[in-house]
Amino acid sequence: MPKRTRPSPARAAPDGANAVSKRIRARIRAAGRRFHANDSIAEFVDGEAELAALEDEVASRMQDLLEALVIDTASDHNTAGTARRVARMFLHEVFRGRYHPMPRVTEFPNAERLNELMIVGPITVRSACSHHLVPIIGKLWIGVLPAEGSKLVGLSKYSRIADWVMSRPQIQEEAVMQLADLLEARLQPEGLALVLEADHFCMQWRGVKDESHMTNSIMRGAFLRNEALRREFLQFVRS
């Protein structure tokens, strides 16, 4: 049986002005941009080497948190590599939309002048509540009414764009609006509709421990003006 390798331990994070997070934060502030939990800051991270250095810093600070929680990671084989695993998870998986650029999305013109309702979904989306950093998991439906000058994208690209936006600490109400803004800007449709129905573990796992879920809808353009179009989309979502 091959020898199992242990995860690399958390390395010490640089202090003061040399901290990677401080350098990135300084660039964002110099550009006059915000860096809320649900913002992408990928353009301010200087390549893979700096992202790796940021992972080292996050792992080191996560190790400090584990020690503050009085967890003996030195003798507990289950948590010996937890700080590094959590750092990798945050930067490259569950919060990937903050630290990695938007995936490439090839757009093509509406050459056939399509003007019929297109509905994509349900798309499984995963995010995290920015209040407690615990999961939000739900289903997303997207309705698009193309215009003659619209841009079209492949079916899988809707999932990739949604995943990129949702893979950040969020509140659901802002997440669905952020996704709608991005899709509207990229596609330039005649109408756009989104419905997101999600379970919140910050309510199910803690607090009131209730299993109810939240649903948000956004209607823009033709979906606001045309009741029949709106009804057609919502009937599909509810079916």
C-alpha atoms as a PDB file:
ATOM      1  CA  MET A   1       0.000   0.000   0.000  1.00  0.00           C
ATOM      2  CA  PRO A   2       1.497   3.409  -0.917  1.00  0.00           C
ATOM      3  CA  LYS A   3       2.517   5.610   1.958  1.00  0.00           C
ATOM      4  CA  ARG A   4      -0.043   8.298   2.714  1.00  0.00           C
ATOM      5  CA  THR A   5       1.364  11.816   2.741  1.00  0.00           C
ATOM      6  CA  ARG A   6       0.168  14.315   5.316  1.00  0.00           C
ATOM      7  CA  PRO A   7      -1.117  17.734   4.222  1.00  0.00           C
ATOM      8  CA  SER A   8       1.487  20.463   4.347  1.00  0.00           C
ATOM      9  CA  PRO A   9       1.311  22.410   7.625  1.00  0.00           C
ATOM     10  CA  ALA A  10       0.346  26.052   7.770  1.00  0.00           C
ATOM     11  CA  ARG A  11       3.392  28.246   7.228  1.00  0.00           C
ATOM     12  CA  ALA A  12       3.888  31.438   9.165  1.00  0.00           C
ATOM     13  CA  ALA A  13       2.153  34.467   7.703  1.00  0.00           C
ATOM     14  CA  PRO A  14       4.223  37.630   7.153  1.00  0.00           C
ATOM     15  CA  ASP A  15       3.480  40.414   9.572  1.00  0.00           C
ATOM     16  CA  GLY A  16       2.880  44.128   9.104  1.00  0.00           C
ATOM     17  CA  ALA A  17       3.310  45.745   5.716  1.00  0.00           C
ATOM     18  CA  ASN A  18       4.652  42.503   4.201  1.00  0.00           C
ATOM     19  CA  ALA A  19       1.376  40.611   4.672  1.00  0.00           C
ATOM     20  CA  VAL A  20      -0.015  39.567   1.295  1.00  0.00           C
ATOM     21  CA  SER A  21      -3.542  40.545   2.280  1.00  0.00           C
ATOM     22  CA  LYS A  22      -2.373  44.069   3.088  1.00  0.00           C
ATOM     23  CA  ARG A  23      -0.711  44.468  -0.306  1.00  0.00           C
ATOM     24  CA  ILE A  24      -3.866  43.345  -2.098  1.00  0.00           C
ATOM     25  CA  ARG A  25      -6.043  45.559   0.090  1.00  0.00           C
ATOM     26  CA  ALA A  26      -3.804  48.558  -0.686  1.00  0.00           C
ATOM     27  CA  ARG A  27      -4.215  48.016  -4.444  1.00  0.00           C
ATOM     28  CA  ILE A  28      -7.991  47.855  -4.133  1.00  0.00           C
ATOM     29  CA  ARG A  29      -8.137  51.048  -2.085  1.00  0.00           C
ATOM     30  CA  ALA A  30      -5.794  52.832  -4.507  1.00  0.00           C
ATOM     31  CA  ALA A  31      -8.225  51.948  -7.313  1.00  0.00           C
ATOM     32  CA  GLY A  32     -11.128  53.358  -5.324  1.00  0.00           C
ATOM     33  CA  ARG A  33     -12.918  50.021  -5.332  1.00  0.00           C
ATOM     34  CA  ARG A  34     -14.736  48.223  -2.532  1.00  0.00           C
ATOM     35  CA  PHE A  35     -13.940  44.701  -1.333  1.00  0.00           C
ATOM     36  CA  HIS A  36     -17.094  43.468   0.342  1.00  0.00           C
ATOM     37  CA  ALA A  37     -17.514  39.749   0.948  1.00  0.00           C
ATOM     38  CA  ASN A  38     -19.479  39.262  -2.295  1.00  0.00           C
ATOM     39  CA  ASP A  39     -17.103  41.270  -4.529  1.00  0.00           C
ATOM     40  CA  SER A  40     -14.616  39.743  -6.947  1.00  0.00           C
ATOM     41  CA  ILE A  41     -11.089  40.946  -6.179  1.00  0.00           C
ATOM     42  CA  ALA A  42      -9.368  38.654  -8.684  1.00  0.00           C
ATOM     43  CA  GLU A  43      -8.032  41.531 -10.785  1.00  0.00           C
ATOM     44  CA  PHE A  44      -6.055  42.789  -7.786  1.00  0.00           C
ATOM     45  CA  VAL A  45      -4.297  39.472  -7.087  1.00  0.00           C
ATOM     46  CA  ASP A  46      -0.928  39.446  -8.851  1.00  0.00           C
ATOM     47  CA  GLY A  47      -0.917  36.008 -10.411  1.00  0.00           C
ATOM     48  CA  GLU A  48      -0.706  32.447  -9.124  1.00  0.00           C
ATOM     49  CA  ALA A  49       2.379  33.089  -6.968  1.00  0.00           C
ATOM     50  CA  GLU A  50       0.635  35.792  -4.954  1.00  0.00           C
ATOM     51  CA  LEU A  51      -2.503  33.674  -4.651  1.00  0.00           C
ATOM     52  CA  ALA A  52      -0.340  30.856  -3.258  1.00  0.00           C
ATOM     53  CA  ALA A  53       1.228  33.299  -0.793  1.00  0.00           C
ATOM     54  CA  LEU A  54      -2.246  34.440   0.245  1.00  0.00           C
ATOM     55  CA  GLU A  55      -3.160  30.791   0.835  1.00  0.00           C
ATOM     56  CA  ASP A  56      -0.146  30.526   3.178  1.00  0.00           C
ATOM     57  CA  GLU A  57      -1.351  33.572   5.101  1.00  0.00           C
ATOM     58  CA  VAL A  58      -4.924  32.298   5.388  1.00  0.00           C
ATOM     59  CA  ALA A  59      -3.662  28.888   6.549  1.00  0.00           C
ATOM     60  CA  SER A  60      -1.499  30.514   9.212  1.00  0.00           C
ATOM     61  CA  ARG A  61      -4.351  32.645  10.510  1.00  0.00           C
ATOM     62  CA  MET A  62      -6.690  29.639  10.424  1.00  0.00           C
ATOM     63  CA  GLN A  63      -4.177  27.787  12.576  1.00  0.00           C
ATOM     64  CA  ASP A  64      -4.372  30.679  15.055  1.00  0.00           C
ATOM     65  CA  LEU A  65      -8.161  30.288  15.111  1.00  0.00           C
ATOM     66  CA  LEU A  66      -7.926  26.553  15.812  1.00  0.00           C
ATOM     67  CA  GLU A  67      -5.541  27.222  18.665  1.00  0.00           C
ATOM     68  CA  ALA A  68      -7.887  29.890  20.054  1.00  0.00           C
ATOM     69  CA  LEU A  69     -10.619  27.242  19.978  1.00  0.00           C
ATOM     70  CA  VAL A  70      -8.327  25.079  22.150  1.00  0.00           C
ATOM     71  CA  ILE A  71      -7.959  22.340  19.538  1.00  0.00           C
ATOM     72  CA  ASP A  72      -4.728  20.365  19.869  1.00  0.00           C
ATOM     73  CA  THR A  73      -3.798  20.026  16.210  1.00  0.00           C
ATOM     74  CA  ALA A  74      -0.336  18.730  17.162  1.00  0.00           C
ATOM     75  CA  SER A  75      -1.641  15.442  18.571  1.00  0.00           C
ATOM     76  CA  ASP A  76      -5.081  15.226  16.902  1.00  0.00           C
ATOM     77  CA  HIS A  77      -4.501  13.509  13.560  1.00  0.00           C
ATOM     78  CA  ASN A  78      -7.947  14.624  12.330  1.00  0.00           C
ATOM     79  CA  THR A  79      -7.129  18.344  12.567  1.00  0.00           C
ATOM     80  CA  ALA A  80      -3.382  18.278  11.879  1.00  0.00           C
ATOM     81  CA  GLY A  81      -3.888  19.590   8.339  1.00  0.00           C
ATOM     82  CA  THR A  82      -7.186  21.401   8.819  1.00  0.00           C
ATOM     83  CA  ALA A  83      -5.764  24.927   8.603  1.00  0.00           C
ATOM     84  CA  ARG A  84      -4.263  24.253   5.176  1.00  0.00           C
ATOM     85  CA  ARG A  85      -7.342  22.400   3.942  1.00  0.00           C
ATOM     86  CA  VAL A  86      -9.636  25.257   4.986  1.00  0.00           C
ATOM     87  CA  ALA A  87      -7.378  27.836   3.315  1.00  0.00           C
ATOM     88  CA  ARG A  88      -7.443  25.904   0.050  1.00  0.00           C
ATOM     89  CA  MET A  89     -11.191  25.427   0.300  1.00  0.00           C
ATOM     90  CA  PHE A  90     -11.856  29.140   0.837  1.00  0.00           C
ATOM     91  CA  LEU A  91      -9.567  30.444  -1.906  1.00  0.00           C
ATOM     92  CA  HIS A  92     -10.056  27.809  -4.601  1.00  0.00           C
ATOM     93  CA  GLU A  93     -13.481  26.276  -3.995  1.00  0.00           C
ATOM     94  CA  VAL A  94     -16.281  27.789  -1.913  1.00  0.00           C
ATOM     95  CA  PHE A  95     -15.085  31.424  -2.309  1.00  0.00           C
ATOM     96  CA  ARG A  96     -13.495  30.907  -5.709  1.00  0.00           C
ATOM     97  CA  GLY A  97     -15.554  33.707  -7.233  1.00  0.00           C
ATOM     98  CA  ARG A  98     -13.685  36.264  -5.124  1.00  0.00           C
ATOM     99  CA  TYR A  99     -10.128  35.227  -5.961  1.00  0.00           C
ATOM    100  CA  HIS A 100     -10.274  33.690  -9.446  1.00  0.00           C
ATOM    101  CA  PRO A 101     -11.282  35.490 -12.652  1.00  0.00           C
ATOM    102  CA  MET A 102     -14.611  34.902 -14.297  1.00  0.00           C
ATOM    103  CA  PRO A 103     -14.483  31.783 -16.520  1.00  0.00           C
ATOM    104  CA  ARG A 104     -14.202  32.460 -20.226  1.00  0.00           C
ATOM    105  CA  VAL A 105     -17.613  32.749 -21.828  1.00  0.00           C
ATOM    106  CA  THR A 106     -17.773  32.726 -25.617  1.00  0.00           C
ATOM    107  CA  GLU A 107     -20.538  34.935 -26.946  1.00  0.00           C
ATOM    108  CA  PHE A 108     -22.016  34.835 -30.428  1.00  0.00           C
ATOM    109  CA  PRO A 109     -24.485  37.146 -32.186  1.00  0.00           C
ATOM    110  CA  ASN A 110     -28.182  36.433 -32.516  1.00  0.00           C
ATOM    111  CA  ALA A 111     -27.772  35.771 -36.231  1.00  0.00           C
ATOM    112  CA  GLU A 112     -31.133  33.990 -36.572  1.00  0.00           C
ATOM    113  CA  ARG A 113     -32.898  36.808 -34.696  1.00  0.00           C
ATOM    114  CA  LEU A 114     -34.270  34.480 -32.067  1.00  0.00           C
ATOM    115  CA  ASN A 115     -37.058  36.096 -30.071  1.00  0.00           C
ATOM    116  CA  GLU A 116     -38.636  33.184 -28.191  1.00  0.00           C
ATOM    117  CA  LEU A 117     -38.407  32.618 -24.450  1.00  0.00           C
ATOM    118  CA  MET A 118     -35.464  30.474 -23.351  1.00  0.00           C
ATOM    119  CA  ILE A 119     -35.502  28.950 -19.863  1.00  0.00           C
ATOM    120  CA  VAL A 120     -32.466  27.398 -18.195  1.00  0.00           C
ATOM    121  CA  GLY A 121     -32.778  25.438 -14.993  1.00  0.00           C
ATOM    122  CA  PRO A 122     -32.922  24.276 -12.418  1.00  0.00           C
ATOM    123  CA  ILE A 123     -29.222  25.013 -11.880  1.00  0.00           C
ATOM    124  CA  THR A 124     -27.874  23.867  -8.525  1.00  0.00           C
ATOM    125  CA  VAL A 125     -26.067  26.769  -6.873  1.00  0.00           C
ATOM    126  CA  ARG A 126     -23.895  26.747  -3.774  1.00  0.00           C
ATOM    127  CA  SER A 127     -22.863  29.738  -1.750  1.00  0.00           C
ATOM    128  CA  ALA A 128     -22.182  30.728   1.845  1.00  0.00           C
ATOM    129  CA  CYS A 129     -23.979  33.107   4.166  1.00  0.00           C
ATOM    130  CA  SER A 130     -21.762  36.116   4.811  1.00  0.00           C
ATOM    131  CA  HIS A 131     -23.097  36.334   8.388  1.00  0.00           C
ATOM    132  CA  HIS A 132     -21.858  32.921   9.554  1.00  0.00           C
ATOM    133  CA  LEU A 133     -19.965  31.439   6.552  1.00  0.00           C
ATOM    134  CA  VAL A 134     -22.176  28.358   6.418  1.00  0.00           C
ATOM    135  CA  PRO A 135     -23.729  26.922   3.242  1.00  0.00           C
ATOM    136  CA  ILE A 136     -26.548  28.277   1.102  1.00  0.00           C
ATOM    137  CA  ILE A 137     -27.663  25.622  -1.393  1.00  0.00           C
ATOM    138  CA  GLY A 138     -30.454  26.128  -3.857  1.00  0.00           C
ATOM    139  CA  LYS A 139     -31.969  25.914  -7.319  1.00  0.00           C
ATOM    140  CA  LEU A 140     -31.810  28.698  -9.904  1.00  0.00           C
ATOM    141  CA  TRP A 141     -33.975  29.261 -12.988  1.00  0.00           C
ATOM    142  CA  ILE A 142     -33.035  31.794 -15.672  1.00  0.00           C
ATOM    143  CA  GLY A 143     -35.408  33.096 -18.332  1.00  0.00           C
ATOM    144  CA  VAL A 144     -34.065  35.030 -21.322  1.00  0.00           C
ATOM    145  CA  LEU A 145     -36.019  36.725 -24.098  1.00  0.00           C
ATOM    146  CA  PRO A 146     -33.422  37.583 -26.763  1.00  0.00           C
ATOM    147  CA  ALA A 147     -33.477  40.791 -28.762  1.00  0.00           C
ATOM    148  CA  GLU A 148     -32.145  41.195 -32.290  1.00  0.00           C
ATOM    149  CA  GLY A 149     -28.926  42.681 -30.936  1.00  0.00           C
ATOM    150  CA  SER A 150     -28.540  40.210 -28.057  1.00  0.00           C
ATOM    151  CA  LYS A 151     -25.478  38.110 -27.382  1.00  0.00           C
ATOM    152  CA  LEU A 152     -26.056  34.378 -26.989  1.00  0.00           C
ATOM    153  CA  VAL A 153     -24.049  31.927 -24.898  1.00  0.00           C
ATOM    154  CA  GLY A 154     -23.996  28.145 -24.628  1.00  0.00           C
ATOM    155  CA  LEU A 155     -26.211  26.368 -22.119  1.00  0.00           C
ATOM    156  CA  SER A 156     -23.365  25.338 -19.795  1.00  0.00           C
ATOM    157  CA  LYS A 157     -22.131  28.920 -19.590  1.00  0.00           C
ATOM    158  CA  TYR A 158     -25.146  29.949 -17.520  1.00  0.00           C
ATOM    159  CA  SER A 159     -24.088  27.430 -14.874  1.00  0.00           C
ATOM    160  CA  ARG A 160     -20.489  28.650 -14.955  1.00  0.00           C
ATOM    161  CA  ILE A 161     -21.456  32.297 -14.597  1.00  0.00           C
ATOM    162  CA  ALA A 162     -23.889  31.493 -11.773  1.00  0.00           C
ATOM    163  CA  ASP A 163     -21.268  29.422  -9.964  1.00  0.00           C
ATOM    164  CA  TRP A 164     -18.701  32.226 -10.255  1.00  0.00           C
ATOM    165  CA  VAL A 165     -21.070  34.793  -8.754  1.00  0.00           C
ATOM    166  CA  MET A 166     -22.423  32.498  -6.051  1.00  0.00           C
ATOM    167  CA  SER A 167     -19.018  31.175  -4.931  1.00  0.00           C
ATOM    168  CA  ARG A 168     -18.557  34.046  -2.483  1.00  0.00           C
ATOM    169  CA  PRO A 169     -19.942  34.906   0.946  1.00  0.00           C
ATOM    170  CA  GLN A 170     -23.385  36.314   0.155  1.00  0.00           C
ATOM    171  CA  ILE A 171     -26.832  37.170   1.256  1.00  0.00           C
ATOM    172  CA  GLN A 172     -29.331  35.680  -1.168  1.00  0.00           C
ATOM    173  CA  GLU A 173     -31.108  38.938  -1.992  1.00  0.00           C
ATOM    174  CA  GLU A 174     -27.876  40.566  -3.176  1.00  0.00           C
ATOM    175  CA  ALA A 175     -26.562  37.462  -4.924  1.00  0.00           C
ATOM    176  CA  VAL A 176     -29.512  37.118  -7.285  1.00  0.00           C
ATOM    177  CA  MET A 177     -29.373  40.837  -8.117  1.00  0.00           C
ATOM    178  CA  GLN A 178     -25.635  40.664  -8.776  1.00  0.00           C
ATOM    179  CA  LEU A 179     -26.138  37.721 -11.119  1.00  0.00           C
ATOM    180  CA  ALA A 180     -28.988  39.490 -12.926  1.00  0.00           C
ATOM    181  CA  ASP A 181     -26.837  42.596 -13.462  1.00  0.00           C
ATOM    182  CA  LEU A 182     -24.023  40.512 -14.935  1.00  0.00           C
ATOM    183  CA  LEU A 183     -26.281  38.515 -17.257  1.00  0.00           C
ATOM    184  CA  GLU A 184     -28.128  41.611 -18.431  1.00  0.00           C
ATOM    185  CA  ALA A 185     -24.855  43.398 -19.225  1.00  0.00           C
ATOM    186  CA  ARG A 186     -23.392  40.413 -21.092  1.00  0.00           C
ATOM    187  CA  LEU A 187     -26.487  39.241 -23.004  1.00  0.00           C
ATOM    188  CA  GLN A 188     -28.326  42.537 -23.599  1.00  0.00           C
ATOM    189  CA  PRO A 189     -31.682  40.717 -23.802  1.00  0.00           C
ATOM    190  CA  GLU A 190     -35.154  42.073 -24.381  1.00  0.00           C
ATOM    191  CA  GLY A 191     -36.113  40.553 -21.052  1.00  0.00           C
ATOM    192  CA  LEU A 192     -34.462  38.687 -18.179  1.00  0.00           C
ATOM    193  CA  ALA A 193     -35.991  36.740 -15.297  1.00  0.00           C
ATOM    194  CA  LEU A 194     -34.376  34.884 -12.403  1.00  0.00           C
ATOM    195  CA  VAL A 195     -35.830  32.808  -9.595  1.00  0.00           C
ATOM    196  CA  LEU A 196     -33.602  31.468  -6.814  1.00  0.00           C
ATOM    197  CA  GLU A 197     -34.945  29.116  -4.157  1.00  0.00           C
ATOM    198  CA  ALA A 198     -32.424  28.166  -1.482  1.00  0.00           C
ATOM    199  CA  ASP A 199     -31.919  26.530   1.888  1.00  0.00           C
ATOM    200  CA  HIS A 200     -29.869  28.436   4.449  1.00  0.00           C
ATOM    201  CA  PHE A 201     -27.790  26.422   6.886  1.00  0.00           C
ATOM    202  CA  CYS A 202     -27.352  29.502   9.074  1.00  0.00           C
ATOM    203  CA  MET A 203     -31.025  28.952   9.923  1.00  0.00           C
ATOM    204  CA  GLN A 204     -31.188  25.161   9.709  1.00  0.00           C
ATOM    205  CA  TRP A 205     -27.919  24.300  11.463  1.00  0.00           C
ATOM    206  CA  ARG A 206     -27.966  27.032  14.118  1.00  0.00           C
ATOM    207  CA  GLY A 207     -30.336  29.653  15.504  1.00  0.00           C
ATOM    208  CA  VAL A 208     -33.986  28.659  15.171  1.00  0.00           C
ATOM    209  CA  LYS A 209     -33.038  25.390  13.363  1.00  0.00           C
ATOM    210  CA  ASP A 210     -35.970  25.713  10.999  1.00  0.00           C
ATOM    211  CA  GLU A 211     -36.025  24.036   7.582  1.00  0.00           C
ATOM    212  CA  SER A 212     -37.950  26.688   5.640  1.00  0.00           C
ATOM    213  CA  HIS A 213     -36.279  28.170   2.561  1.00  0.00           C
ATOM    214  CA  MET A 214     -36.120  31.546   0.806  1.00  0.00           C
ATOM    215  CA  THR A 215     -37.221  32.375  -2.737  1.00  0.00           C
ATOM    216  CA  ASN A 216     -36.224  35.504  -4.645  1.00  0.00           C
ATOM    217  CA  SER A 217     -37.301  36.579  -8.120  1.00  0.00           C
ATOM    218  CA  ILE A 218     -36.068  39.323 -10.426  1.00  0.00           C
ATOM    219  CA  MET A 219     -37.959  40.440 -13.528  1.00  0.00           C
ATOM    220  CA  ARG A 220     -36.514  42.904 -16.007  1.00  0.00           C
ATOM    221  CA  GLY A 221     -37.452  44.346 -19.366  1.00  0.00           C
ATOM    222  CA  ALA A 222     -40.180  42.408 -21.177  1.00  0.00           C
ATOM    223  CA  PHE A 223     -40.890  40.269 -18.101  1.00  0.00           C
ATOM    224  CA  LEU A 224     -42.039  43.390 -16.273  1.00  0.00           C
ATOM    225  CA  ARG A 225     -44.144  44.686 -19.161  1.00  0.00           C
ATOM    226  CA  ASN A 226     -45.678  41.428 -20.408  1.00  0.00           C
ATOM    227  CA  GLU A 227     -47.794  39.557 -17.866  1.00  0.00           C
ATOM    228  CA  ALA A 228     -48.263  36.540 -20.163  1.00  0.00           C
ATOM    229  CA  LEU A 229     -44.506  36.167 -20.607  1.00  0.00           C
ATOM    230  CA  ARG A 230     -43.960  36.443 -16.884  1.00  0.00           C
ATOM    231  CA  ARG A 231     -46.674  33.859 -16.223  1.00  0.00           C
ATOM    232  CA  GLU A 232     -45.165  31.436 -18.756  1.00  0.00           C
ATOM    233  CA  PHE A 233     -41.791  31.615 -17.028  1.00  0.00           C
ATOM    234  CA  LEU A 234     -43.189  31.233 -13.510  1.00  0.00           C
ATOM    235  CA  GLN A 235     -45.404  28.303 -14.517  1.00  0.00           C
ATOM    236  CA  PHE A 236     -42.341  26.479 -15.782  1.00  0.00           C
ATOM    237  CA  VAL A 237     -40.474  27.158 -12.528  1.00  0.00           C
ATOM    238  CA  ARG A 238     -43.377  25.871 -10.427  1.00  0.00           C
ATOM    239  CA  SER A 239     -43.959  22.748 -12.522  1.00  0.00           C
END
